[in-house]
Every structure is written in C-alpha cells, then in structure tokens.
Amino acid sequence: MEQENANETEENPPEKQPFRIEEAIGALAMGLICLISILNVIVRYATNVSFAFTEEYSVFLLVIVTFVGAGLAYTNNGHICISILVNKVGREGQIFLNSLAFISSVTMFALLVYYGSDLAIDEYLFEETSPALGYPTWIYTMWLPLLSLAVLFRIFQVQWNELRKKK
C-alpha cells in the first residue's frame, strides 16, 4: 500500500503554487504591524508613555495589506460574489456576472488611481504634514494610486488568463 502511494507521488508530484510577491509583502506588512503594536504595548505598560508614530505606521501598513489582499483575492478568484445567485443563473448568467464583476472592479480601481493621484498631488502642493510625526502626507498617499495600479494589473492578468483558457 505504501509503495503504491510512493509511486503515485513520484509520477504526479503535487502542483507547485507560483510565488506571488503580494503574499510576501502582505506577510511582511502584517508582521511589522504586530511588531510595532506589541512594542508600543510593552513600552506603554512599562513607562506609561505611548509611541505616537505607531498608529501612523500601522494605518499605512494596513492600507498596504488591504490592497495586497485585494490583488490576491482577485488572483485566487476569491473576490466577493453572491454564491447562491451565481450558482443558480446557469453558464450564460455566470459569464454575465463575471463580466460585470470585472467591469466594476476595473472601474473602482481606475477611480482610485485617478482620485488617489489627485489627492497625493494636492497633499504635495499644499505641503500637508502628518499630525504625529510631521512627515509629508503625500509619502503615505502616493501608495494609493500605485497599489491600485498593481491590483488593476492583477485583474487584467486574471481576465487574460481566463480568456486564454477558453480558447
């Protein structure tokens, strides 16, 4: 019995998942959030003083995690859908709903690129600074359109791969 299982694994090795940079970036950002937060709790407990920068960095890292997660969700076909509806509409309905999800996602992230760029440029021109550290806020805001572009890239990549599978 064991010999049969060994032969099966040699002939059909488990499929390797491709490395996705989003997974590494997301893990790094989440690890940094945990580290910053636990250090803040320890210092606050020991000295009754809180690090002001921890909230600013944590919010910035959470934005990164959110966009990285959005890209991964779309790549893994895990974007939001109403399964009971999608499963009952048939093949033509599923194609329509997938197309609607694609168009909606592209529209939303394109708007985020446009308005995020506009916001970052305004913050740069008006020299806005963050309340805790006094850093220019455009340093944080510029990531909104850049990460939106990365998600758009993944959305188009997934759609392209789906179209190639059908041919």
Foldseek 3Di string as FASTA:
>chain_A
DVVVVVVVCVVPPDDDDDDDVLVVLLVVLVVVLVVLVVVQVVCCVVPVDGQLCSVVSNVLSVVSNVLSVLLVCLLVVNDDDDVVVCVPPDDVVVVVVVVVVLVVLLVVLVVQLVVLVVVLVVLVVVVDADDRPRHRCSVSSVVRNVSSVVSNVSSVVNVVVVVVVVD
